[in-house]
């Protein structure tokens, strides 16, 4: 610079810009989330930009005249100890407590402050969205069975996938153009002659169980999954459903269809379970072996044996004393 400005960083997380003529403070900037450990002007004579580093592991570039942040460099994971720039100002070097030295090169990319601010706002919004809690209407917050307490990036992406699949299927169903080319994701279902509704079910099936209910904010092939989705949606939209005349036929159909589907599925599971138990009995009788043992019973037997051993030792000691 022209020696008219002085930059200082402090443990109070701020960077101050001073005028060397009168020693007055031009601006105090809240720079980092932790203590400021280093500040550095560029080496160009007409440079008005400077760098600051802190214990939060971030390097930030500032405009000393306009008092705005230009960009943030994230790469270090721990406290940054030192900053240095090359003579021509095209390279920045940083050293951190994470045992790394990073070299940052100047590029020709133009930085638009509005775009950088928009990216930062989107990042803050995503973080707040992840931390936000969902409370389903009609359920107490301390209920024994509740949703997962926090959102995750994966659950948000899964929700977007479900909405995208619904939009694709809706556009496909309502398209009556003879020369229409089906969506690439639906080509497999059309070629195999399957119902397009399976496209939605396969998408739901691909979502992790722990994120499914968060992502949602029917069919014969997977009745348990379909019922889970239906019951969850009815729970969170209960007030709208009971006040909608158009949904009454749908609810009535679900009331008659779901119990039958679940009963058939339970019968199938029960039949298969009985067959597996019968097969287990045959193998155990034929080979005279025990395929499965109750671990709790084994531990109880060991505890009883140890108790008998201890009681026998006590009796022996009593006989010696007599």
C-alpha atoms as a PDB file:
ATOM      1  CA  UNK A   1       0.000   0.000   0.000  1.00  0.00           C
ATOM      2  CA  UNK A   2       1.011   3.633   0.151  1.00  0.00           C
ATOM      3  CA  UNK A   3       1.580   3.395   3.933  1.00  0.00           C
ATOM      4  CA  UNK A   4      -1.660   5.251   4.668  1.00  0.00           C
ATOM      5  CA  UNK A   5      -3.502   2.267   6.133  1.00  0.00           C
ATOM      6  CA  UNK A   6      -2.689  -0.147   8.938  1.00  0.00           C
ATOM      7  CA  UNK A   7      -4.434  -3.500   9.384  1.00  0.00           C
ATOM      8  CA  UNK A   8      -4.592  -5.243  12.765  1.00  0.00           C
ATOM      9  CA  UNK A   9      -6.150  -8.510  13.889  1.00  0.00           C
ATOM     10  CA  UNK A  10      -7.155  -9.351  17.441  1.00  0.00           C
ATOM     11  CA  UNK A  11      -8.314 -12.110  19.740  1.00  0.00           C
ATOM     12  CA  UNK A  12     -11.762 -10.469  19.814  1.00  0.00           C
ATOM     13  CA  UNK A  13     -12.391 -11.948  16.314  1.00  0.00           C
ATOM     14  CA  UNK A  14     -12.216  -8.557  14.602  1.00  0.00           C
ATOM     15  CA  UNK A  15      -9.974  -6.908  12.035  1.00  0.00           C
ATOM     16  CA  UNK A  16      -9.512  -3.143  12.350  1.00  0.00           C
ATOM     17  CA  UNK A  17      -8.503  -0.731   9.592  1.00  0.00           C
ATOM     18  CA  UNK A  18      -6.572   2.325  10.840  1.00  0.00           C
ATOM     19  CA  UNK A  19      -5.432   5.523   9.177  1.00  0.00           C
ATOM     20  CA  UNK A  20      -1.743   6.221   9.700  1.00  0.00           C
ATOM     21  CA  UNK A  21      -2.182  10.002   9.301  1.00  0.00           C
ATOM     22  CA  UNK A  22      -4.245  10.594  12.446  1.00  0.00           C
ATOM     23  CA  UNK A  23      -4.302   7.132  14.012  1.00  0.00           C
ATOM     24  CA  UNK A  24      -8.080   6.907  13.695  1.00  0.00           C
ATOM     25  CA  UNK A  25      -9.970   3.644  13.199  1.00  0.00           C
ATOM     26  CA  UNK A  26     -11.689   3.655   9.821  1.00  0.00           C
ATOM     27  CA  UNK A  27     -13.592   0.402  10.307  1.00  0.00           C
ATOM     28  CA  UNK A  28     -13.856  -2.591  12.618  1.00  0.00           C
ATOM     29  CA  UNK A  29     -14.868  -5.802  10.821  1.00  0.00           C
ATOM     30  CA  UNK A  30     -16.132  -8.967  12.468  1.00  0.00           C
ATOM     31  CA  UNK A  31     -13.803 -11.201  10.486  1.00  0.00           C
ATOM     32  CA  UNK A  32     -13.749 -14.733  11.925  1.00  0.00           C
ATOM     33  CA  UNK A  33     -15.615 -17.096  14.219  1.00  0.00           C
ATOM     34  CA  UNK A  34     -12.524 -17.372  16.411  1.00  0.00           C
ATOM     35  CA  UNK A  35      -9.368 -15.379  17.137  1.00  0.00           C
ATOM     36  CA  UNK A  36      -7.654 -13.643  14.222  1.00  0.00           C
ATOM     37  CA  UNK A  37      -4.124 -15.029  13.920  1.00  0.00           C
ATOM     38  CA  UNK A  38      -2.693 -13.272  10.848  1.00  0.00           C
ATOM     39  CA  UNK A  39      -3.327 -10.342   8.491  1.00  0.00           C
ATOM     40  CA  UNK A  40      -1.460  -9.570   5.277  1.00  0.00           C
ATOM     41  CA  UNK A  41      -1.585  -6.875   2.583  1.00  0.00           C
ATOM     42  CA  UNK A  42      -0.764  -7.725  -1.002  1.00  0.00           C
ATOM     43  CA  UNK A  43       2.658  -6.709  -2.284  1.00  0.00           C
ATOM     44  CA  UNK A  44       1.378  -4.516  -5.129  1.00  0.00           C
ATOM     45  CA  UNK A  45       1.885  -0.778  -4.633  1.00  0.00           C
ATOM     46  CA  UNK A  46      -1.741   0.095  -5.405  1.00  0.00           C
ATOM     47  CA  UNK A  47      -3.182  -2.913  -3.581  1.00  0.00           C
ATOM     48  CA  UNK A  48      -6.349  -2.161  -1.605  1.00  0.00           C
ATOM     49  CA  UNK A  49      -7.118  -5.777  -0.728  1.00  0.00           C
ATOM     50  CA  UNK A  50      -5.784  -7.665   2.259  1.00  0.00           C
ATOM     51  CA  UNK A  51      -6.011 -11.157   3.739  1.00  0.00           C
ATOM     52  CA  UNK A  52      -6.941 -12.316   7.208  1.00  0.00           C
ATOM     53  CA  UNK A  53      -6.658 -15.754   8.827  1.00  0.00           C
ATOM     54  CA  UNK A  54      -8.052 -17.125  12.057  1.00  0.00           C
ATOM     55  CA  UNK A  55      -8.266 -20.046  14.406  1.00  0.00           C
ATOM     56  CA  UNK A  56     -11.409 -21.188  12.591  1.00  0.00           C
ATOM     57  CA  UNK A  57      -9.203 -22.441   9.730  1.00  0.00           C
ATOM     58  CA  UNK A  58     -10.504 -19.911   7.179  1.00  0.00           C
ATOM     59  CA  UNK A  59      -8.707 -17.329   5.054  1.00  0.00           C
ATOM     60  CA  UNK A  60     -10.696 -14.274   3.981  1.00  0.00           C
ATOM     61  CA  UNK A  61      -9.966 -11.494   1.522  1.00  0.00           C
ATOM     62  CA  UNK A  62     -11.201  -7.976   2.263  1.00  0.00           C
ATOM     63  CA  UNK A  63     -11.398  -4.604   0.539  1.00  0.00           C
ATOM     64  CA  UNK A  64      -9.766  -1.985   2.773  1.00  0.00           C
ATOM     65  CA  UNK A  65     -11.567   0.907   1.080  1.00  0.00           C
ATOM     66  CA  UNK A  66     -15.098  -0.482   0.687  1.00  0.00           C
ATOM     67  CA  UNK A  67     -14.969  -2.538   3.913  1.00  0.00           C
ATOM     68  CA  UNK A  68     -16.488  -5.671   2.306  1.00  0.00           C
ATOM     69  CA  UNK A  69     -15.395  -9.302   2.194  1.00  0.00           C
ATOM     70  CA  UNK A  70     -14.359 -10.463  -1.265  1.00  0.00           C
ATOM     71  CA  UNK A  71     -14.004 -14.222  -0.833  1.00  0.00           C
ATOM     72  CA  UNK A  72     -13.346 -17.002   1.670  1.00  0.00           C
ATOM     73  CA  UNK A  73     -10.778 -19.766   1.209  1.00  0.00           C
ATOM     74  CA  UNK A  74     -11.536 -22.992   3.030  1.00  0.00           C
ATOM     75  CA  UNK A  75      -9.001 -25.797   3.123  1.00  0.00           C
ATOM     76  CA  UNK A  76      -7.335 -25.892   6.490  1.00  0.00           C
ATOM     77  CA  UNK A  77      -8.954 -27.805   9.324  1.00  0.00           C
ATOM     78  CA  UNK A  78      -7.228 -26.115  12.253  1.00  0.00           C
ATOM     79  CA  UNK A  79      -5.709 -22.799  13.328  1.00  0.00           C
ATOM     80  CA  UNK A  80      -3.768 -20.914  10.652  1.00  0.00           C
ATOM     81  CA  UNK A  81      -0.404 -19.742  11.947  1.00  0.00           C
ATOM     82  CA  UNK A  82       1.027 -17.574   9.150  1.00  0.00           C
ATOM     83  CA  UNK A  83       0.286 -15.918   5.799  1.00  0.00           C
ATOM     84  CA  UNK A  84       2.688 -14.817   3.073  1.00  0.00           C
ATOM     85  CA  UNK A  85       2.389 -13.568  -0.502  1.00  0.00           C
ATOM     86  CA  UNK A  86       4.829 -13.647  -3.389  1.00  0.00           C
ATOM     87  CA  UNK A  87       6.436 -10.478  -4.708  1.00  0.00           C
ATOM     88  CA  UNK A  88       3.995 -10.142  -7.630  1.00  0.00           C
ATOM     89  CA  UNK A  89       0.983 -10.949  -5.430  1.00  0.00           C
ATOM     90  CA  UNK A  90      -0.204 -13.856  -7.610  1.00  0.00           C
ATOM     91  CA  UNK A  91       0.346 -16.537  -4.965  1.00  0.00           C
ATOM     92  CA  UNK A  92      -0.735 -16.773  -1.336  1.00  0.00           C
ATOM     93  CA  UNK A  93       0.927 -19.215   1.065  1.00  0.00           C
ATOM     94  CA  UNK A  94      -0.633 -20.307   4.349  1.00  0.00           C
ATOM     95  CA  UNK A  95       0.671 -22.496   7.170  1.00  0.00           C
ATOM     96  CA  UNK A  96      -1.656 -24.185   9.635  1.00  0.00           C
ATOM     97  CA  UNK A  97      -1.608 -26.157  12.865  1.00  0.00           C
ATOM     98  CA  UNK A  98      -3.029 -29.096  10.883  1.00  0.00           C
ATOM     99  CA  UNK A  99       0.574 -29.740   9.711  1.00  0.00           C
ATOM    100  CA  UNK A 100      -0.049 -28.489   6.173  1.00  0.00           C
ATOM    101  CA  UNK A 101       1.165 -25.632   3.987  1.00  0.00           C
ATOM    102  CA  UNK A 102      -1.212 -24.578   1.251  1.00  0.00           C
ATOM    103  CA  UNK A 103      -0.377 -22.571  -1.863  1.00  0.00           C
ATOM    104  CA  UNK A 104      -3.216 -20.541  -3.372  1.00  0.00           C
ATOM    105  CA  UNK A 105      -2.812 -19.239  -6.946  1.00  0.00           C
ATOM    106  CA  UNK A 106      -4.517 -16.144  -8.356  1.00  0.00           C
ATOM    107  CA  UNK A 107      -6.879 -16.955 -11.249  1.00  0.00           C
ATOM    108  CA  UNK A 108      -8.484 -14.891 -13.997  1.00  0.00           C
ATOM    109  CA  UNK A 109     -11.994 -15.650 -12.738  1.00  0.00           C
ATOM    110  CA  UNK A 110     -14.017 -12.546 -11.977  1.00  0.00           C
ATOM    111  CA  UNK A 111     -15.559 -12.539  -8.507  1.00  0.00           C
ATOM    112  CA  UNK A 112     -19.036 -11.011  -8.259  1.00  0.00           C
ATOM    113  CA  UNK A 113     -19.779  -9.975  -4.691  1.00  0.00           C
ATOM    114  CA  UNK A 114     -23.523 -10.502  -5.103  1.00  0.00           C
ATOM    115  CA  UNK A 115     -22.964 -14.091  -6.244  1.00  0.00           C
ATOM    116  CA  UNK A 116     -20.641 -14.802  -3.340  1.00  0.00           C
ATOM    117  CA  UNK A 117     -23.168 -13.367  -0.890  1.00  0.00           C
ATOM    118  CA  UNK A 118     -25.929 -15.467  -2.471  1.00  0.00           C
ATOM    119  CA  UNK A 119     -23.845 -18.643  -2.117  1.00  0.00           C
ATOM    120  CA  UNK A 120     -23.213 -17.840   1.522  1.00  0.00           C
ATOM    121  CA  UNK A 121     -26.926 -17.260   2.166  1.00  0.00           C
ATOM    122  CA  UNK A 122     -27.792 -20.572   0.497  1.00  0.00           C
ATOM    123  CA  UNK A 123     -25.219 -22.369   2.628  1.00  0.00           C
ATOM    124  CA  UNK A 124     -26.599 -20.792   5.799  1.00  0.00           C
ATOM    125  CA  UNK A 125     -30.130 -21.716   4.726  1.00  0.00           C
ATOM    126  CA  UNK A 126     -29.105 -25.350   4.146  1.00  0.00           C
ATOM    127  CA  UNK A 127     -27.468 -25.480   7.567  1.00  0.00           C
ATOM    128  CA  UNK A 128     -30.578 -24.041   9.232  1.00  0.00           C
ATOM    129  CA  UNK A 129     -32.770 -26.457   7.281  1.00  0.00           C
ATOM    130  CA  UNK A 130     -30.727 -29.404   8.504  1.00  0.00           C
ATOM    131  CA  UNK A 131     -30.884 -28.193  12.100  1.00  0.00           C
ATOM    132  CA  UNK A 132     -34.627 -27.473  11.981  1.00  0.00           C
ATOM    133  CA  UNK A 133     -36.911 -29.939  13.740  1.00  0.00           C
ATOM    134  CA  UNK A 134     -40.093 -31.393  12.296  1.00  0.00           C
ATOM    135  CA  UNK A 135     -43.161 -31.765  14.525  1.00  0.00           C
ATOM    136  CA  UNK A 136     -45.961 -33.812  13.007  1.00  0.00           C
ATOM    137  CA  UNK A 137     -49.434 -32.371  13.735  1.00  0.00           C
ATOM    138  CA  UNK A 138     -51.265 -34.366  16.387  1.00  0.00           C
ATOM    139  CA  UNK A 139     -48.104 -35.796  17.916  1.00  0.00           C
ATOM    140  CA  UNK A 140     -46.439 -34.618  21.079  1.00  0.00           C
ATOM    141  CA  UNK A 141     -42.808 -33.698  20.856  1.00  0.00           C
ATOM    142  CA  UNK A 142     -41.955 -36.132  23.649  1.00  0.00           C
ATOM    143  CA  UNK A 143     -43.929 -38.969  22.069  1.00  0.00           C
ATOM    144  CA  UNK A 144     -42.347 -42.398  22.335  1.00  0.00           C
ATOM    145  CA  UNK A 145     -42.382 -42.881  18.560  1.00  0.00           C
ATOM    146  CA  UNK A 146     -41.296 -39.786  16.649  1.00  0.00           C
ATOM    147  CA  UNK A 147     -39.365 -38.743  13.587  1.00  0.00           C
ATOM    148  CA  UNK A 148     -35.617 -38.484  13.545  1.00  0.00           C
ATOM    149  CA  UNK A 149     -34.700 -35.271  15.420  1.00  0.00           C
ATOM    150  CA  UNK A 150     -32.750 -33.583  12.625  1.00  0.00           C
ATOM    151  CA  UNK A 151     -32.750 -33.359   8.876  1.00  0.00           C
ATOM    152  CA  UNK A 152     -29.747 -34.397   6.856  1.00  0.00           C
ATOM    153  CA  UNK A 153     -28.495 -33.442   3.427  1.00  0.00           C
ATOM    154  CA  UNK A 154     -29.350 -36.956   2.270  1.00  0.00           C
ATOM    155  CA  UNK A 155     -32.961 -36.679   3.430  1.00  0.00           C
ATOM    156  CA  UNK A 156     -33.337 -33.344   1.631  1.00  0.00           C
ATOM    157  CA  UNK A 157     -31.917 -34.806  -1.586  1.00  0.00           C
ATOM    158  CA  UNK A 158     -34.185 -37.841  -1.233  1.00  0.00           C
ATOM    159  CA  UNK A 159     -37.203 -35.562  -0.950  1.00  0.00           C
ATOM    160  CA  UNK A 160     -36.176 -33.795  -4.133  1.00  0.00           C
ATOM    161  CA  UNK A 161     -35.806 -37.174  -5.878  1.00  0.00           C
ATOM    162  CA  UNK A 162     -39.345 -38.166  -4.912  1.00  0.00           C
ATOM    163  CA  UNK A 163     -40.780 -34.879  -6.196  1.00  0.00           C
ATOM    164  CA  UNK A 164     -38.815 -35.233  -9.428  1.00  0.00           C
ATOM    165  CA  UNK A 165     -40.153 -38.773  -9.966  1.00  0.00           C
ATOM    166  CA  UNK A 166     -43.721 -37.607  -9.374  1.00  0.00           C
ATOM    167  CA  UNK A 167     -43.284 -34.791 -11.910  1.00  0.00           C
ATOM    168  CA  UNK A 168     -41.820 -37.179 -14.502  1.00  0.00           C
ATOM    169  CA  UNK A 169     -44.623 -39.699 -14.061  1.00  0.00           C
ATOM    170  CA  UNK A 170     -47.324 -37.020 -14.113  1.00  0.00           C
ATOM    171  CA  UNK A 171     -45.961 -35.549 -17.348  1.00  0.00           C
ATOM    172  CA  UNK A 172     -45.794 -39.005 -18.915  1.00  0.00           C
ATOM    173  CA  UNK A 173     -49.361 -39.945 -17.974  1.00  0.00           C
ATOM    174  CA  UNK A 174     -50.882 -36.692 -19.249  1.00  0.00           C
ATOM    175  CA  UNK A 175     -48.970 -36.700 -22.545  1.00  0.00           C
ATOM    176  CA  UNK A 176     -51.235 -37.830 -25.402  1.00  0.00           C
ATOM    177  CA  UNK A 177     -48.919 -36.983 -28.312  1.00  0.00           C
ATOM    178  CA  UNK A 178     -48.513 -40.099 -30.540  1.00  0.00           C
ATOM    179  CA  UNK A 179     -44.893 -39.292 -31.394  1.00  0.00           C
ATOM    180  CA  UNK A 180     -43.967 -38.699 -27.773  1.00  0.00           C
ATOM    181  CA  UNK A 181     -40.685 -40.315 -26.672  1.00  0.00           C
ATOM    182  CA  UNK A 182     -40.897 -41.705 -23.108  1.00  0.00           C
ATOM    183  CA  UNK A 183     -38.549 -40.403 -20.456  1.00  0.00           C
ATOM    184  CA  UNK A 184     -35.298 -42.365 -20.226  1.00  0.00           C
ATOM    185  CA  UNK A 185     -36.008 -43.386 -16.628  1.00  0.00           C
ATOM    186  CA  UNK A 186     -39.381 -44.858 -17.655  1.00  0.00           C
ATOM    187  CA  UNK A 187     -38.150 -46.732 -20.729  1.00  0.00           C
ATOM    188  CA  UNK A 188     -37.349 -49.899 -18.749  1.00  0.00           C
ATOM    189  CA  UNK A 189     -40.819 -50.109 -17.198  1.00  0.00           C
ATOM    190  CA  UNK A 190     -42.541 -49.532 -20.549  1.00  0.00           C
ATOM    191  CA  UNK A 191     -40.404 -52.137 -22.347  1.00  0.00           C
ATOM    192  CA  UNK A 192     -41.055 -54.719 -19.608  1.00  0.00           C
ATOM    193  CA  UNK A 193     -44.785 -54.007 -19.648  1.00  0.00           C
ATOM    194  CA  UNK A 194     -44.823 -53.005 -15.978  1.00  0.00           C
ATOM    195  CA  UNK A 195     -47.075 -50.437 -14.363  1.00  0.00           C
ATOM    196  CA  UNK A 196     -45.463 -46.999 -14.300  1.00  0.00           C
ATOM    197  CA  UNK A 197     -46.429 -46.671 -10.644  1.00  0.00           C
ATOM    198  CA  UNK A 198     -43.572 -49.059  -9.865  1.00  0.00           C
ATOM    199  CA  UNK A 199     -41.248 -46.208 -10.867  1.00  0.00           C
ATOM    200  CA  UNK A 200     -42.343 -44.288  -7.755  1.00  0.00           C
ATOM    201  CA  UNK A 201     -42.127 -47.387  -5.574  1.00  0.00           C
ATOM    202  CA  UNK A 202     -38.604 -48.196  -6.749  1.00  0.00           C
ATOM    203  CA  UNK A 203     -37.559 -44.650  -5.929  1.00  0.00           C
ATOM    204  CA  UNK A 204     -39.018 -44.938  -2.432  1.00  0.00           C
ATOM    205  CA  UNK A 205     -37.371 -48.327  -2.003  1.00  0.00           C
ATOM    206  CA  UNK A 206     -33.948 -46.879  -2.875  1.00  0.00           C
ATOM    207  CA  UNK A 207     -34.175 -44.354  -0.021  1.00  0.00           C
ATOM    208  CA  UNK A 208     -32.698 -45.417   3.288  1.00  0.00           C
ATOM    209  CA  UNK A 209     -35.301 -46.368   5.856  1.00  0.00           C
ATOM    210  CA  UNK A 210     -33.969 -43.833   8.368  1.00  0.00           C
ATOM    211  CA  UNK A 211     -34.555 -41.003   5.864  1.00  0.00           C
ATOM    212  CA  UNK A 212     -37.804 -42.124   4.266  1.00  0.00           C
ATOM    213  CA  UNK A 213     -40.231 -40.320   6.570  1.00  0.00           C
ATOM    214  CA  UNK A 214     -38.129 -37.190   6.491  1.00  0.00           C
ATOM    215  CA  UNK A 215     -38.074 -37.271   2.716  1.00  0.00           C
ATOM    216  CA  UNK A 216     -41.849 -37.573   2.325  1.00  0.00           C
ATOM    217  CA  UNK A 217     -42.791 -34.081   4.288  1.00  0.00           C
ATOM    218  CA  UNK A 218     -49.061 -48.724  -3.551  1.00  0.00           C
ATOM    219  CA  UNK A 219     -49.022 -51.365  -4.377  1.00  0.00           C
ATOM    220  CA  UNK A 220     -49.125 -55.144  -4.539  1.00  0.00           C
ATOM    221  CA  UNK A 221     -45.389 -55.632  -4.859  1.00  0.00           C
ATOM    222  CA  UNK A 222     -44.414 -53.855  -1.616  1.00  0.00           C
ATOM    223  CA  UNK A 223     -47.530 -53.513   0.579  1.00  0.00           C
ATOM    224  CA  UNK A 224     -45.618 -52.770   3.790  1.00  0.00           C
ATOM    225  CA  UNK A 225     -43.755 -49.855   2.179  1.00  0.00           C
ATOM    226  CA  UNK A 226     -46.924 -48.510   0.561  1.00  0.00           C
ATOM    227  CA  UNK A 227     -48.829 -48.653   3.864  1.00  0.00           C
ATOM    228  CA  UNK A 228     -45.999 -46.921   5.663  1.00  0.00           C
ATOM    229  CA  UNK A 229     -46.042 -44.077   3.141  1.00  0.00           C
ATOM    230  CA  UNK A 230     -49.845 -43.775   3.216  1.00  0.00           C
ATOM    231  CA  UNK A 231     -50.106 -43.733   6.997  1.00  0.00           C
ATOM    232  CA  UNK A 232     -47.337 -41.171   7.337  1.00  0.00           C
ATOM    233  CA  UNK A 233     -48.890 -38.836   4.761  1.00  0.00           C
ATOM    234  CA  UNK A 234     -52.326 -39.178   6.353  1.00  0.00           C
ATOM    235  CA  UNK A 235     -50.823 -38.342   9.726  1.00  0.00           C
ATOM    236  CA  UNK A 236     -49.086 -35.147   8.664  1.00  0.00           C
ATOM    237  CA  UNK A 237     -51.960 -33.963   6.398  1.00  0.00           C
ATOM    238  CA  UNK A 238     -54.772 -35.078   8.693  1.00  0.00           C
ATOM    239  CA  UNK A 239     -56.404 -31.648   9.024  1.00  0.00           C
ATOM    240  CA  UNK A 240     -56.510 -31.069   5.259  1.00  0.00           C
ATOM    241  CA  UNK A 241     -57.786 -34.587   4.531  1.00  0.00           C
ATOM    242  CA  UNK A 242     -60.745 -34.493   6.920  1.00  0.00           C
ATOM    243  CA  UNK A 243     -61.846 -31.145   5.468  1.00  0.00           C
ATOM    244  CA  UNK A 244     -61.598 -32.223   1.823  1.00  0.00           C
ATOM    245  CA  UNK A 245     -64.694 -33.708   0.176  1.00  0.00           C
ATOM    246  CA  UNK A 246     -62.704 -34.757  -2.890  1.00  0.00           C
ATOM    247  CA  UNK A 247     -60.485 -37.076  -0.844  1.00  0.00           C
ATOM    248  CA  UNK A 248     -63.340 -38.987   0.791  1.00  0.00           C
ATOM    249  CA  UNK A 249     -63.607 -41.606  -2.013  1.00  0.00           C
ATOM    250  CA  UNK A 250     -59.839 -42.097  -1.888  1.00  0.00           C
ATOM    251  CA  UNK A 251     -59.845 -42.592   1.878  1.00  0.00           C
ATOM    252  CA  UNK A 252     -62.778 -44.993   1.608  1.00  0.00           C
ATOM    253  CA  UNK A 253     -60.928 -47.041  -1.009  1.00  0.00           C
ATOM    254  CA  UNK A 254     -57.810 -47.158   1.126  1.00  0.00           C
ATOM    255  CA  UNK A 255     -59.893 -48.213   4.124  1.00  0.00           C
ATOM    256  CA  UNK A 256     -61.164 -51.249   2.237  1.00  0.00           C
ATOM    257  CA  UNK A 257     -58.016 -52.165   0.310  1.00  0.00           C
ATOM    258  CA  UNK A 258     -55.214 -51.736   2.848  1.00  0.00           C
ATOM    259  CA  UNK A 259     -56.483 -54.232   5.479  1.00  0.00           C
ATOM    260  CA  UNK A 260     -56.866 -56.923   2.797  1.00  0.00           C
ATOM    261  CA  UNK A 261     -53.381 -56.318   1.413  1.00  0.00           C
ATOM    262  CA  UNK A 262     -51.789 -56.338   4.846  1.00  0.00           C
ATOM    263  CA  UNK A 263     -53.718 -59.487   5.847  1.00  0.00           C
ATOM    264  CA  UNK A 264     -52.510 -61.293   2.721  1.00  0.00           C
ATOM    265  CA  UNK A 265     -48.969 -60.175   3.375  1.00  0.00           C
ATOM    266  CA  UNK A 266     -49.126 -61.324   7.015  1.00  0.00           C
ATOM    267  CA  UNK A 267     -50.504 -64.703   5.912  1.00  0.00           C
ATOM    268  CA  UNK A 268     -47.623 -65.066   3.485  1.00  0.00           C
ATOM    269  CA  UNK A 269     -45.044 -64.166   6.137  1.00  0.00           C
ATOM    270  CA  UNK A 270     -46.653 -66.514   8.655  1.00  0.00           C
ATOM    271  CA  UNK A 271     -46.741 -69.389   6.148  1.00  0.00           C
ATOM    272  CA  UNK A 272     -43.066 -68.904   5.262  1.00  0.00           C
ATOM    273  CA  UNK A 273     -42.094 -68.651   8.937  1.00  0.00           C
ATOM    274  CA  UNK A 274     -43.913 -71.902   9.743  1.00  0.00           C
ATOM    275  CA  UNK A 275     -42.200 -73.621   6.812  1.00  0.00           C
ATOM    276  CA  UNK A 276     -38.773 -72.447   8.002  1.00  0.00           C
ATOM    277  CA  UNK A 277     -39.442 -73.698  11.533  1.00  0.00           C
ATOM    278  CA  UNK A 278     -40.570 -77.082  10.170  1.00  0.00           C
ATOM    279  CA  UNK A 279     -37.401 -77.275   8.074  1.00  0.00           C
ATOM    280  CA  UNK A 280     -35.339 -76.439  11.167  1.00  0.00           C
ATOM    281  CA  UNK A 281     -36.981 -79.275  13.130  1.00  0.00           C
ATOM    282  CA  UNK A 282     -36.279 -81.769  10.338  1.00  0.00           C
ATOM    283  CA  UNK A 283     -32.593 -80.811  10.142  1.00  0.00           C
ATOM    284  CA  UNK A 284     -32.149 -80.954  13.928  1.00  0.00           C
ATOM    285  CA  UNK A 285     -33.788 -84.407  14.168  1.00  0.00           C
ATOM    286  CA  UNK A 286     -31.847 -85.802  11.212  1.00  0.00           C
ATOM    287  CA  UNK A 287     -28.394 -84.530  12.210  1.00  0.00           C
ATOM    288  CA  UNK A 288     -28.973 -84.475  15.986  1.00  0.00           C
ATOM    289  CA  UNK A 289     -27.740 -80.890  16.209  1.00  0.00           C
ATOM    290  CA  UNK A 290     -29.082 -77.610  17.504  1.00  0.00           C
ATOM    291  CA  UNK A 291     -29.137 -74.923  14.824  1.00  0.00           C
ATOM    292  CA  UNK A 292     -30.011 -72.023  17.098  1.00  0.00           C
ATOM    293  CA  UNK A 293     -29.516 -71.502  20.802  1.00  0.00           C
ATOM    294  CA  UNK A 294     -30.937 -68.822  23.056  1.00  0.00           C
ATOM    295  CA  UNK A 295     -27.952 -66.801  24.277  1.00  0.00           C
ATOM    296  CA  UNK A 296     -29.801 -65.695  27.400  1.00  0.00           C
ATOM    297  CA  UNK A 297     -30.400 -69.329  28.418  1.00  0.00           C
ATOM    298  CA  UNK A 298     -26.725 -70.152  27.898  1.00  0.00           C
ATOM    299  CA  UNK A 299     -25.712 -67.236  30.114  1.00  0.00           C
ATOM    300  CA  UNK A 300     -28.209 -68.354  32.780  1.00  0.00           C
ATOM    301  CA  UNK A 301     -26.725 -71.869  32.755  1.00  0.00           C
ATOM    302  CA  UNK A 302     -23.201 -70.487  33.171  1.00  0.00           C
ATOM    303  CA  UNK A 303     -24.357 -68.279  36.027  1.00  0.00           C
ATOM    304  CA  UNK A 304     -25.967 -71.268  37.792  1.00  0.00           C
ATOM    305  CA  UNK A 305     -22.792 -73.349  37.404  1.00  0.00           C
ATOM    306  CA  UNK A 306     -20.641 -70.542  38.795  1.00  0.00           C
ATOM    307  CA  UNK A 307     -23.048 -70.147  41.720  1.00  0.00           C
ATOM    308  CA  UNK A 308     -22.835 -73.886  42.525  1.00  0.00           C
ATOM    309  CA  UNK A 309     -19.032 -73.750  42.421  1.00  0.00           C
ATOM    310  CA  UNK A 310     -18.938 -70.810  44.805  1.00  0.00           C
ATOM    311  CA  UNK A 311     -21.376 -72.497  47.227  1.00  0.00           C
ATOM    312  CA  UNK A 312     -19.275 -75.703  47.168  1.00  0.00           C
ATOM    313  CA  UNK A 313     -16.143 -73.772  48.101  1.00  0.00           C
ATOM    314  CA  UNK A 314     -17.946 -72.176  51.043  1.00  0.00           C
ATOM    315  CA  UNK A 315     -18.997 -75.614  52.355  1.00  0.00           C
ATOM    316  CA  UNK A 316     -15.431 -76.928  52.072  1.00  0.00           C
ATOM    317  CA  UNK A 317     -14.108 -74.007  54.066  1.00  0.00           C
ATOM    318  CA  UNK A 318     -16.750 -74.574  56.757  1.00  0.00           C
ATOM    319  CA  UNK A 319     -15.762 -78.244  57.119  1.00  0.00           C
ATOM    320  CA  UNK A 320     -12.094 -77.380  57.574  1.00  0.00           C
ATOM    321  CA  UNK A 321     -12.923 -74.950  60.367  1.00  0.00           C
ATOM    322  CA  UNK A 322     -14.852 -77.628  62.294  1.00  0.00           C
END
